[in-house]
Amino acid sequence: MKRLIIRIPLFMMAAGLLVTGCKKSEIDKAYYNPNGSATASIPTLYSGLLFNERVLPKYWGLYTFEVPMMGTYAQTNGQNLTNKVYEQSVNYTKDRWDYFYTTTIARYREIEKYYNGLTSDADKAGFQLFLETARIFVYDQTAQMVDLWGDIPFSTAGQLNTTGNIVLASYDKGEDVYNTILTDLKRISDYLASVKPDPYYQGQLTSSDYMNKGSLTKWRKYCNSLMLRLAMRISYKDEAKAKGIVQTILGNVNQYPLIDTYQENITITPSTTGSNLTAINDIQEGFKASSYAPGKMVDEIMVPANDPRLPILFTPNKDSVYHGVPFDWNSTRVADSVRENYFSMWDSTTFTQNNVFPGIVETAAEVQFLKAEAYERWGGGNAKAAYDEGVKQSILFYWMVNKNSRQKGDFRYGEEKFDEPKDVDIAAFLANPLIAYGTNNLEKIATQKWIDFGVIQAHQAWAEYRRTKLPKLTYPVDGSSVTAPAPPNRLLYPGTEASLNSTNYAAVKSRDNITAKVFWDVK
């Protein structure tokens, strides 16, 4: 069987992306090589789309972006007030931008092209399953791009793959992108609720879909849960629109089912260390950017409440207690404390040595916290019950990740094991006055969601912090930086946009600064 090359060419694609200073040999590698790859098909392209290195816990994404940068902006990782701590690593943010256009959008446009070229009505109807579910995944990634940058090229992006023509794509307003996504997710959800797939095409989907194993129920839950996330994200910008979408979903659970339990979490999970999806070595190397616990999360919230996630999220220090890195300590004080083994680190079994750590897409915990916020703000349901369930699902999920590491990951570092919390233990935790629902409810919801996102989903934590301004985080001024004395509100566009897509970039140039806000950031 020939190997499928899934990195589809997209240099000089719609967004005008072309890495400056590249050798010709490096550019050539990005192009589809007909002599070295098999003829593509919708199922193989679909599998390639799901193999996303910004979802899977791969080294480069963790080391250059998620752990040090997003973890700093969201304070979900143990960083300190070093020189220029808030300044963006523009080469690494460019990598994040490039990956979306040269990989995610490129692969999706190839699927569209092959689908549009089908001549059989049966194939059109059957492979629509692939097209619609692929759109859910792409919309998820696209919304994340808006969350990071604001306005982005989208509607006309990827024309090289679609038509063979190089078209420099214009920028879509972030709000327009969100509106398009929310409208189409509703359509896709209704389609998946009614479709009765032919067994042949259902079998093809099952064979190609290593995320949801072809389960239309899981795809429906992912679709609706993503719709819920994005509706809540715009809820302070356009409350009426958000409220209408959310109440439609929450008021029709049969038509719009959601991710309910941690067993239903949408993840890309390797079954063994032999899987191509395994995080072996990648996650270990990715955490070398920084593997220390965040100070506020650990010292001010989790330790005082005796959080049952503590022993599997972090390792105790030399004195068998938990301490994170205070964000306002300078580098000298932090370095001295590191030498004294004062700080806790992200747990090796659960995280840094976990060869079967899943790529997390969306979880039951997040969904429950979104429901709790909606009920708290607008009524219509039991906010406390949703909040309590969100905390429980977060606890159970991370304990499962830890357990899978010990059982499936061929884990050989350390022998200490902890007793998994029982329902009575979780109930006692939820009754702790520091955690219990009843006062400061929106802050408690946001705080528990922030803990649940942690460092692996720091990009979501940063988005939710900017949206809600909760939990209440303190960001010391970095006097060493003229350009970024405080955290940014958005990422800067890559320099290649100004040089290679200059006409379209001119439309967004005035907003290409760190103080401009993403459209939903209005609090």
Protein backbone atom coordinates (compact mmCIF):
# COMPACT_ATOMS: atom_id res chain seq x y z
CA MET A 1 0.00 0.00 0.00
CA LYS A 2 1.41 3.37 -0.99
CA ARG A 3 1.81 6.02 1.63
CA LEU A 4 -0.61 8.95 1.41
CA ILE A 5 1.08 12.32 1.60
CA ILE A 6 -1.35 14.33 3.66
CA ARG A 7 0.51 17.65 3.76
CA ILE A 8 -1.26 19.14 0.78
CA PRO A 9 0.43 22.10 -0.97
CA LEU A 10 -0.73 25.56 -0.13
CA PHE A 11 2.17 27.96 -0.45
CA MET A 12 1.09 31.16 -2.14
CA MET A 13 -2.46 30.14 -1.35
CA ALA A 14 -5.41 32.39 -0.75
CA ALA A 15 -3.99 34.09 2.30
CA GLY A 16 -0.88 35.01 0.37
CA LEU A 17 1.32 32.88 2.58
CA LEU A 18 4.86 32.25 1.44
CA VAL A 19 7.66 31.79 3.91
CA THR A 20 10.21 34.48 3.22
CA GLY A 21 13.83 33.47 2.95
CA CYS A 22 13.03 29.84 2.17
CA LYS A 23 15.27 27.81 -0.05
CA LYS A 24 13.69 26.47 -3.22
CA SER A 25 14.10 22.94 -1.89
CA GLU A 26 12.07 23.84 1.20
CA ILE A 27 9.27 25.28 -0.92
CA ASP A 28 9.27 22.26 -3.22
CA LYS A 29 8.70 19.98 -0.24
CA ALA A 30 5.36 21.66 0.41
CA TYR A 31 3.98 20.68 -2.98
CA TYR A 32 2.08 17.53 -3.75
CA ASN A 33 4.45 15.01 -5.27
CA PRO A 34 2.53 12.80 -7.74
CA ASN A 35 5.49 10.43 -7.99
CA GLY A 36 5.66 9.82 -4.27
CA SER A 37 2.07 9.56 -3.18
CA ALA A 38 -1.04 7.53 -3.86
CA THR A 39 -4.11 8.91 -5.58
CA ALA A 40 -6.11 10.65 -2.91
CA SER A 41 -9.72 9.91 -2.08
CA ILE A 42 -12.30 11.55 0.15
CA PRO A 43 -11.79 8.99 2.98
CA THR A 44 -7.99 9.33 2.93
CA LEU A 45 -8.15 13.12 2.73
CA TYR A 46 -10.63 13.07 5.61
CA SER A 47 -8.24 11.07 7.79
CA GLY A 48 -5.51 13.51 6.88
CA LEU A 49 -7.66 16.46 7.95
CA LEU A 50 -8.19 14.96 11.41
CA PHE A 51 -4.47 14.42 11.87
CA ASN A 52 -4.02 17.94 13.19
CA GLU A 53 -0.83 18.78 15.03
CA ARG A 54 -2.47 21.75 16.74
CA VAL A 55 -4.96 19.36 18.36
CA LEU A 56 -2.66 16.44 19.03
CA PRO A 57 -0.14 17.12 21.84
CA LYS A 58 2.79 17.41 19.44
CA TYR A 59 6.15 18.86 20.38
CA TRP A 60 6.25 21.97 18.21
CA GLY A 61 2.78 23.24 19.05
CA LEU A 62 3.32 22.72 22.76
CA TYR A 63 6.89 23.97 22.95
CA THR A 64 6.56 27.11 20.86
CA PHE A 65 2.98 28.19 21.39
CA GLU A 66 0.63 26.52 23.85
CA VAL A 67 2.86 26.11 26.92
CA PRO A 68 5.01 29.26 26.97
CA MET A 69 2.88 31.84 25.16
CA MET A 70 -0.76 30.89 25.68
CA GLY A 71 0.13 29.57 29.14
CA THR A 72 1.58 32.98 30.02
CA TYR A 73 -1.30 35.04 28.67
CA ALA A 74 -3.84 32.82 30.44
CA GLN A 75 -1.67 32.20 33.54
CA THR A 76 -2.32 28.48 33.23
CA ASN A 77 1.38 27.68 33.31
CA GLY A 78 4.17 28.55 35.72
CA GLN A 79 5.79 31.60 34.14
CA ASN A 80 7.41 34.54 35.89
CA LEU A 81 8.03 38.22 35.24
CA THR A 82 11.07 37.85 33.01
CA ASN A 83 12.19 40.48 30.53
CA LYS A 84 9.68 41.03 27.72
CA VAL A 85 7.41 38.30 29.05
CA TYR A 86 4.36 39.59 27.15
CA GLU A 87 6.05 40.10 23.81
CA GLN A 88 4.93 37.70 21.12
CA SER A 89 7.35 35.27 19.52
CA VAL A 90 6.39 36.32 16.02
CA ASN A 91 8.06 33.39 14.28
CA TYR A 92 6.05 30.99 16.41
CA THR A 93 2.74 32.80 16.02
CA LYS A 94 3.43 32.75 12.28
CA ASP A 95 3.82 28.97 12.49
CA ARG A 96 0.39 28.75 14.10
CA TRP A 97 -1.08 30.92 11.33
CA ASP A 98 0.67 29.02 8.56
CA TYR A 99 -0.45 25.64 9.87
CA PHE A 100 -4.10 26.59 9.62
CA TYR A 101 -3.82 27.72 6.02
CA THR A 102 -1.26 25.28 4.65
CA THR A 103 -2.70 22.25 6.42
CA THR A 104 -6.22 22.56 7.85
CA ILE A 105 -7.76 24.70 5.12
CA ALA A 106 -5.70 23.03 2.39
CA ARG A 107 -6.85 19.56 3.33
CA TYR A 108 -10.45 20.65 3.64
CA ARG A 109 -10.44 22.36 0.24
CA GLU A 110 -9.11 19.15 -1.27
CA ILE A 111 -12.07 17.28 0.21
CA GLU A 112 -14.41 19.89 -1.26
CA LYS A 113 -12.75 19.59 -4.64
CA TYR A 114 -13.04 15.82 -4.75
CA TYR A 115 -16.63 15.98 -3.54
CA ASN A 116 -17.61 18.55 -6.15
CA GLY A 117 -16.06 16.34 -8.81
CA LEU A 118 -18.26 13.34 -7.97
CA THR A 119 -20.60 12.37 -10.79
CA SER A 120 -22.72 9.72 -9.07
CA ASP A 121 -25.79 10.80 -7.11
CA ALA A 122 -25.18 7.92 -4.72
CA ASP A 123 -21.62 9.09 -4.09
CA LYS A 124 -22.80 12.67 -3.63
CA ALA A 125 -25.34 11.62 -1.02
CA GLY A 126 -23.03 9.12 0.67
CA PHE A 127 -19.90 11.24 0.88
CA GLN A 128 -21.87 14.22 2.14
CA LEU A 129 -21.34 12.63 5.56
CA PHE A 130 -17.61 13.28 5.16
CA LEU A 131 -18.06 16.82 3.90
CA GLU A 132 -20.43 17.93 6.66
CA THR A 133 -18.54 16.38 9.55
CA ALA A 134 -15.26 17.74 8.16
CA ARG A 135 -16.85 21.19 8.21
CA ILE A 136 -17.54 20.90 11.94
CA PHE A 137 -13.87 20.25 12.61
CA VAL A 138 -12.73 23.02 10.27
CA TYR A 139 -15.19 25.49 11.80
CA ASP A 140 -13.78 24.70 15.23
CA GLN A 141 -10.26 25.47 14.05
CA THR A 142 -11.43 28.57 12.17
CA ALA A 143 -13.15 30.02 15.23
CA GLN A 144 -9.91 29.55 17.14
CA MET A 145 -8.10 31.60 14.49
CA VAL A 146 -10.63 34.41 14.97
CA ASP A 147 -10.15 34.15 18.73
CA LEU A 148 -6.40 34.59 18.30
CA TRP A 149 -6.20 37.22 15.55
CA GLY A 150 -9.64 38.75 14.94
CA ASP A 151 -10.32 39.33 11.25
CA ILE A 152 -8.87 36.54 9.08
CA PRO A 153 -8.94 35.38 5.45
CA PHE A 154 -11.52 32.63 5.27
CA SER A 155 -14.31 32.69 2.70
CA THR A 156 -11.90 32.94 -0.23
CA ALA A 157 -8.97 31.11 1.38
CA GLY A 158 -7.63 27.97 -0.24
CA GLN A 159 -8.36 28.74 -3.89
CA LEU A 160 -5.16 27.09 -5.03
CA ASN A 161 -6.54 23.78 -3.82
CA THR A 162 -10.06 24.46 -5.04
CA THR A 163 -9.41 25.87 -8.51
CA GLY A 164 -5.68 25.57 -9.10
CA ASN A 165 -5.46 29.35 -9.24
CA ILE A 166 -3.46 31.51 -6.87
CA VAL A 167 -5.82 34.05 -5.34
CA LEU A 168 -4.76 36.36 -2.52
CA ALA A 169 -7.65 36.17 -0.11
CA SER A 170 -9.34 39.16 1.43
CA TYR A 171 -9.95 39.38 5.15
CA ASP A 172 -13.34 38.47 6.56
CA LYS A 173 -14.49 40.29 9.67
CA GLY A 174 -14.27 38.03 12.69
CA GLU A 175 -17.91 38.65 13.53
CA ASP A 176 -18.97 37.63 10.01
CA VAL A 177 -16.93 34.43 10.26
CA TYR A 178 -18.59 33.57 13.56
CA ASN A 179 -22.06 34.29 12.16
CA THR A 180 -21.39 32.06 9.15
CA ILE A 181 -20.12 29.26 11.36
CA LEU A 182 -23.03 29.43 13.81
CA THR A 183 -25.59 29.41 11.00
CA ASP A 184 -23.99 26.50 9.22
CA LEU A 185 -23.46 24.45 12.38
CA LYS A 186 -27.22 24.62 12.93
CA ARG A 187 -27.80 23.36 9.39
CA ILE A 188 -25.26 20.55 9.80
CA SER A 189 -26.76 19.53 13.13
CA ASP A 190 -30.22 19.25 11.57
CA TYR A 191 -28.77 17.26 8.67
CA LEU A 192 -27.02 14.79 10.98
CA ALA A 193 -30.21 14.38 13.02
CA SER A 194 -32.18 13.28 9.96
CA VAL A 195 -29.72 11.55 7.63
CA LYS A 196 -30.00 7.79 7.16
CA PRO A 197 -26.66 6.88 5.64
CA ASP A 198 -26.17 4.01 3.25
CA PRO A 199 -24.27 1.23 5.09
CA TYR A 200 -21.43 1.36 2.57
CA TYR A 201 -20.67 5.05 3.16
CA GLN A 202 -21.25 4.69 6.89
CA GLY A 203 -18.63 1.95 6.87
CA GLN A 204 -16.23 4.18 4.96
CA LEU A 205 -16.71 6.92 7.52
CA THR A 206 -16.16 4.53 10.41
CA SER A 207 -12.91 3.32 8.85
CA SER A 208 -11.59 6.84 8.21
CA ASP A 209 -12.75 8.65 11.34
CA TYR A 210 -10.34 7.96 14.19
CA MET A 211 -11.77 10.79 16.26
CA ASN A 212 -15.43 9.77 16.59
CA LYS A 213 -15.20 6.31 15.00
CA GLY A 214 -17.97 7.18 12.55
CA SER A 215 -20.53 7.76 15.30
CA LEU A 216 -23.08 10.26 14.06
CA THR A 217 -24.29 10.65 17.63
CA LYS A 218 -20.85 11.85 18.69
CA TRP A 219 -20.61 14.14 15.68
CA ARG A 220 -24.00 15.62 16.56
CA LYS A 221 -22.87 16.18 20.13
CA TYR A 222 -19.63 17.77 18.97
CA CYS A 223 -21.50 20.01 16.52
CA ASN A 224 -24.01 21.19 19.12
CA SER A 225 -21.42 21.60 21.86
CA LEU A 226 -19.27 23.70 19.54
CA MET A 227 -22.33 25.79 18.68
CA LEU A 228 -22.91 26.29 22.41
CA ARG A 229 -19.27 27.34 22.97
CA LEU A 230 -19.32 29.88 20.14
CA ALA A 231 -22.73 31.27 21.09
CA MET A 232 -21.55 31.88 24.65
CA ARG A 233 -18.36 33.45 23.33
CA ILE A 234 -20.34 36.18 21.58
CA SER A 235 -22.81 36.52 24.45
CA TYR A 236 -21.47 39.83 25.79
CA LYS A 237 -21.24 41.28 22.30
CA ASP A 238 -24.65 40.16 21.01
CA GLU A 239 -26.58 38.79 23.96
CA ALA A 240 -29.90 38.46 22.15
CA LYS A 241 -28.41 36.34 19.35
CA ALA A 242 -26.39 34.21 21.76
CA LYS A 243 -29.32 33.71 24.11
CA GLY A 244 -31.58 32.61 21.25
CA ILE A 245 -29.09 30.02 20.01
CA VAL A 246 -28.31 28.71 23.49
CA GLN A 247 -31.94 28.41 24.53
CA THR A 248 -32.77 26.59 21.30
CA ILE A 249 -30.05 24.05 22.08
CA LEU A 250 -30.74 23.65 25.79
CA GLY A 251 -34.50 23.57 25.27
CA ASN A 252 -34.40 20.75 22.71
CA VAL A 253 -32.05 18.11 24.07
CA ASN A 254 -33.33 15.38 21.75
CA GLN A 255 -32.78 17.46 18.63
CA TYR A 256 -29.56 19.04 19.90
CA PRO A 257 -27.79 16.58 22.21
CA LEU A 258 -24.59 17.72 23.91
CA ILE A 259 -21.48 16.05 25.30
CA ASP A 260 -22.73 14.86 28.68
CA THR A 261 -20.00 12.73 30.26
CA TYR A 262 -16.23 12.49 30.12
CA GLN A 263 -16.56 9.17 28.26
CA GLU A 264 -18.14 11.18 25.42
CA ASN A 265 -15.39 13.82 25.30
CA ILE A 266 -14.34 14.65 21.76
CA THR A 267 -10.69 13.67 21.63
CA ILE A 268 -8.16 12.13 19.31
CA THR A 269 -6.80 9.38 21.51
CA PRO A 270 -4.09 6.85 20.69
CA SER A 271 -5.04 3.34 21.74
CA THR A 272 -1.45 2.27 22.44
CA THR A 273 2.06 3.69 22.29
CA GLY A 274 2.37 2.00 18.89
CA SER A 275 -0.31 4.21 17.37
CA ASN A 276 0.63 6.93 14.88
CA LEU A 277 -1.38 9.26 17.11
CA THR A 278 0.84 8.70 20.14
CA ALA A 279 2.41 11.62 21.93
CA ILE A 280 5.55 9.62 22.70
CA ASN A 281 8.49 12.01 23.23
CA ASP A 282 6.46 14.88 21.76
CA ILE A 283 4.69 15.84 24.96
CA GLN A 284 7.86 15.41 27.00
CA GLU A 285 9.79 17.71 24.69
CA GLY A 286 6.88 20.11 24.41
CA PHE A 287 6.85 20.76 28.14
CA LYS A 288 10.54 21.65 28.16
CA ALA A 289 9.45 25.20 27.41
CA SER A 290 8.23 25.22 31.01
CA SER A 291 6.83 22.46 33.15
CA TYR A 292 6.13 24.33 36.37
CA ALA A 293 2.78 24.75 38.07
CA PRO A 294 0.96 28.12 37.89
CA GLY A 295 1.00 30.04 41.15
CA LYS A 296 -2.50 31.44 41.44
CA MET A 297 -4.16 28.23 40.28
CA VAL A 298 -2.30 26.03 42.74
CA ASP A 299 -1.57 28.20 45.78
CA GLU A 300 -4.69 30.38 45.89
CA ILE A 301 -7.40 28.05 44.60
CA MET A 302 -6.61 24.34 44.48
CA VAL A 303 -4.52 23.86 47.64
CA PRO A 304 -6.86 25.79 50.00
CA ALA A 305 -9.83 23.76 48.71
CA ASN A 306 -7.97 20.42 48.80
CA ASP A 307 -8.80 19.88 45.14
CA PRO A 308 -8.92 16.14 44.26
CA ARG A 309 -7.16 16.88 40.95
CA LEU A 310 -4.01 18.14 42.68
CA PRO A 311 -2.15 14.80 42.98
CA ILE A 312 -2.66 13.93 39.31
CA LEU A 313 -2.21 17.39 37.81
CA PHE A 314 0.94 18.36 39.70
CA THR A 315 3.83 16.84 41.61
CA PRO A 316 4.56 17.98 45.17
CA ASN A 317 7.84 19.74 45.91
CA LYS A 318 10.69 18.44 48.08
CA ASP A 319 8.63 19.09 51.22
CA SER A 320 5.67 17.13 49.81
CA VAL A 321 3.55 20.25 49.41
CA TYR A 322 2.24 22.02 46.32
CA HIS A 323 3.49 25.42 45.19
CA GLY A 324 3.18 27.11 41.82
CA VAL A 325 5.30 29.89 40.37
CA PRO A 326 4.01 33.32 41.44
CA PHE A 327 3.55 35.39 38.31
CA ASP A 328 5.01 38.52 39.90
CA TRP A 329 8.28 36.97 41.05
CA ASN A 330 11.33 38.05 39.07
CA SER A 331 13.56 35.57 37.27
CA THR A 332 16.28 35.60 39.93
CA ARG A 333 13.89 34.70 42.72
CA VAL A 334 12.29 32.01 40.59
CA ALA A 335 15.66 30.54 39.62
CA ASP A 336 16.71 30.38 43.28
CA SER A 337 13.45 28.60 44.15
CA VAL A 338 13.86 26.15 41.28
CA ARG A 339 17.29 25.20 42.63
CA GLU A 340 15.69 24.60 46.02
CA ASN A 341 13.02 22.39 44.44
CA TYR A 342 10.35 24.68 45.84
CA PHE A 343 7.91 24.53 42.93
CA SER A 344 5.55 21.82 41.80
CA MET A 345 5.62 20.62 38.21
CA TRP A 346 3.00 19.25 35.86
CA ASP A 347 2.57 15.60 36.78
CA SER A 348 4.69 13.23 34.71
CA THR A 349 2.19 10.35 34.63
CA THR A 350 -0.71 12.52 33.52
CA PHE A 351 1.22 14.93 31.29
CA THR A 352 4.91 15.10 30.60
CA GLN A 353 5.64 11.37 30.26
CA ASN A 354 2.19 10.31 29.09
CA ASN A 355 2.66 8.61 25.74
CA VAL A 356 -1.08 8.21 25.19
CA PHE A 357 -2.23 11.71 26.13
CA PRO A 358 -5.26 12.61 24.01
CA GLY A 359 -5.68 15.51 21.66
CA ILE A 360 -8.51 17.38 23.38
CA VAL A 361 -11.19 18.91 21.14
CA GLU A 362 -14.15 19.55 23.45
CA THR A 363 -15.20 18.08 26.78
CA ALA A 364 -18.25 17.45 28.92
CA ALA A 365 -16.75 19.64 31.65
CA GLU A 366 -16.58 22.65 29.34
CA VAL A 367 -20.13 22.03 28.13
CA GLN A 368 -21.46 21.84 31.69
CA PHE A 369 -19.72 25.09 32.64
CA LEU A 370 -21.21 26.79 29.58
CA LYS A 371 -24.64 25.53 30.57
CA ALA A 372 -24.13 26.75 34.13
CA GLU A 373 -23.22 30.23 32.91
CA ALA A 374 -26.24 30.34 30.59
CA TYR A 375 -28.63 29.23 33.35
CA GLU A 376 -27.07 31.67 35.81
CA ARG A 377 -27.46 34.61 33.44
CA TRP A 378 -30.74 33.77 31.70
CA GLY A 379 -32.51 31.10 33.73
CA GLY A 380 -34.15 28.08 32.15
CA GLY A 381 -32.25 25.41 34.04
CA ASN A 382 -30.38 24.43 37.18
CA ALA A 383 -27.12 26.38 37.18
CA LYS A 384 -25.82 24.73 40.35
CA ALA A 385 -26.39 21.23 39.02
CA ALA A 386 -24.58 22.06 35.78
CA TYR A 387 -21.67 23.65 37.66
CA ASP A 388 -21.34 20.70 40.04
CA GLU A 389 -21.46 18.29 37.11
CA GLY A 390 -18.79 20.29 35.27
CA VAL A 391 -16.42 20.00 38.22
CA LYS A 392 -17.16 16.29 38.53
CA GLN A 393 -16.60 15.60 34.83
CA SER A 394 -13.30 17.48 34.94
CA ILE A 395 -12.10 15.43 37.91
CA LEU A 396 -13.13 12.13 36.34
CA PHE A 397 -11.58 12.96 32.99
CA TYR A 398 -8.15 13.83 34.35
CA TRP A 399 -8.16 10.77 36.58
CA MET A 400 -8.97 8.68 33.51
CA VAL A 401 -6.06 10.25 31.60
CA ASN A 402 -3.75 9.43 34.49
CA LYS A 403 -5.06 5.87 34.70
CA ASN A 404 -4.70 5.32 30.95
CA SER A 405 -1.11 6.50 31.14
CA ARG A 406 -0.32 3.90 33.78
CA GLN A 407 -2.21 1.10 32.02
CA LYS A 408 -1.61 1.75 28.32
CA GLY A 409 1.31 4.11 28.11
CA ASP A 410 4.09 1.76 29.18
CA PHE A 411 4.79 4.33 31.88
CA ARG A 412 7.90 3.66 33.92
CA TYR A 413 8.52 6.85 35.87
CA GLY A 414 7.66 6.72 39.55
CA GLU A 415 5.57 4.21 41.41
CA GLU A 416 3.36 6.36 43.61
CA LYS A 417 -0.33 5.90 42.96
CA PHE A 418 -3.23 7.71 44.55
CA ASP A 419 -6.70 6.56 45.40
CA GLU A 420 -9.17 7.73 42.80
CA PRO A 421 -11.79 10.03 44.37
CA LYS A 422 -15.20 8.52 44.97
CA ASP A 423 -18.54 10.27 44.63
CA VAL A 424 -18.50 11.07 48.35
CA ASP A 425 -15.10 12.74 47.99
CA ILE A 426 -16.27 14.84 45.05
CA ALA A 427 -19.42 15.80 46.95
CA ALA A 428 -17.33 16.93 49.91
CA PHE A 429 -15.15 19.02 47.61
CA LEU A 430 -18.21 20.64 46.05
CA ALA A 431 -19.49 21.48 49.54
CA ASN A 432 -16.29 23.33 50.46
CA PRO A 433 -17.24 27.02 50.86
CA LEU A 434 -14.41 27.98 48.52
CA ILE A 435 -15.96 25.88 45.75
CA ALA A 436 -19.65 25.60 46.63
CA TYR A 437 -22.14 27.24 44.31
CA GLY A 438 -24.17 30.07 45.81
CA THR A 439 -22.00 33.19 45.87
CA ASN A 440 -19.83 34.76 43.17
CA ASN A 441 -21.25 32.15 40.84
CA LEU A 442 -20.01 33.45 37.50
CA GLU A 443 -16.50 33.76 38.92
CA LYS A 444 -16.61 30.21 40.27
CA ILE A 445 -17.82 28.87 36.92
CA ALA A 446 -15.06 30.71 35.07
CA THR A 447 -12.41 29.63 37.58
CA GLN A 448 -13.26 25.96 37.37
CA LYS A 449 -13.36 26.13 33.57
CA TRP A 450 -9.94 27.82 33.64
CA ILE A 451 -8.52 25.04 35.79
CA ASP A 452 -10.05 22.43 33.52
CA PHE A 453 -8.52 23.98 30.38
CA GLY A 454 -5.14 24.13 32.08
CA VAL A 455 -2.00 24.31 29.99
CA ILE A 456 -3.06 21.89 27.25
CA GLN A 457 -5.99 24.09 26.23
CA ALA A 458 -4.42 27.38 27.23
CA HIS A 459 -5.67 29.00 24.01
CA GLN A 460 -9.25 28.37 25.16
CA ALA A 461 -8.42 29.61 28.65
CA TRP A 462 -7.01 32.84 27.19
CA ALA A 463 -10.09 33.35 25.03
CA GLU A 464 -12.47 32.81 27.93
CA TYR A 465 -10.47 35.10 30.20
CA ARG A 466 -10.62 37.90 27.64
CA ARG A 467 -14.35 37.31 27.20
CA THR A 468 -15.32 37.22 30.89
CA LYS A 469 -12.33 38.86 32.64
CA LEU A 470 -12.63 35.96 35.08
CA PRO A 471 -11.02 34.57 37.15
CA LYS A 472 -9.54 37.79 38.47
CA LEU A 473 -5.94 37.67 37.33
CA THR A 474 -3.23 40.23 38.06
CA TYR A 475 -0.70 41.06 35.34
CA PRO A 476 2.30 43.05 36.61
CA VAL A 477 3.63 45.70 34.24
CA ASP A 478 6.76 44.59 32.39
CA GLY A 479 8.91 47.70 32.46
CA SER A 480 11.56 46.07 30.28
CA SER A 481 9.30 46.16 27.22
CA VAL A 482 8.30 49.27 25.29
CA THR A 483 6.07 47.41 22.83
CA ALA A 484 4.29 45.05 25.26
CA PRO A 485 4.34 46.18 28.91
CA ALA A 486 1.03 44.32 29.36
CA PRO A 487 -0.50 41.20 27.80
CA PRO A 488 -1.90 41.58 24.28
CA ASN A 489 -5.58 41.48 23.39
CA ARG A 490 -4.82 39.60 20.18
CA LEU A 491 -1.92 38.20 18.18
CA LEU A 492 -0.14 40.21 15.49
CA TYR A 493 -0.47 39.13 11.87
CA PRO A 494 2.61 37.46 10.36
CA GLY A 495 4.93 39.81 8.51
CA THR A 496 4.35 37.83 5.34
CA GLU A 497 0.81 39.16 5.21
CA ALA A 498 2.10 42.72 4.80
CA SER A 499 4.72 41.70 2.26
CA LEU A 500 2.86 39.11 0.19
CA ASN A 501 -0.82 39.95 0.66
CA SER A 502 -0.33 43.68 0.95
CA THR A 503 -3.50 44.87 -0.80
CA ASN A 504 -5.79 42.82 1.42
CA TYR A 505 -3.66 43.41 4.50
CA ALA A 506 -4.14 47.16 4.03
CA ALA A 507 -7.78 46.74 5.06
CA VAL A 508 -6.78 45.43 8.51
CA LYS A 509 -3.46 47.19 9.00
CA SER A 510 -4.87 49.88 11.31
CA ARG A 511 -6.13 47.17 13.69
CA ASP A 512 -2.95 45.09 13.59
CA ASN A 513 -1.73 45.97 17.07
CA ILE A 514 -1.83 44.27 20.44
CA THR A 515 -4.36 46.68 21.96
CA ALA A 516 -7.07 46.03 19.36
CA LYS A 517 -9.69 43.58 20.54
CA VAL A 518 -11.38 40.58 18.96
CA PHE A 519 -14.99 41.50 18.21
CA TRP A 520 -16.48 39.52 21.11
CA ASP A 521 -14.09 41.05 23.68
CA VAL A 522 -16.26 43.87 25.04
CA LYS A 523 -16.14 43.58 28.86
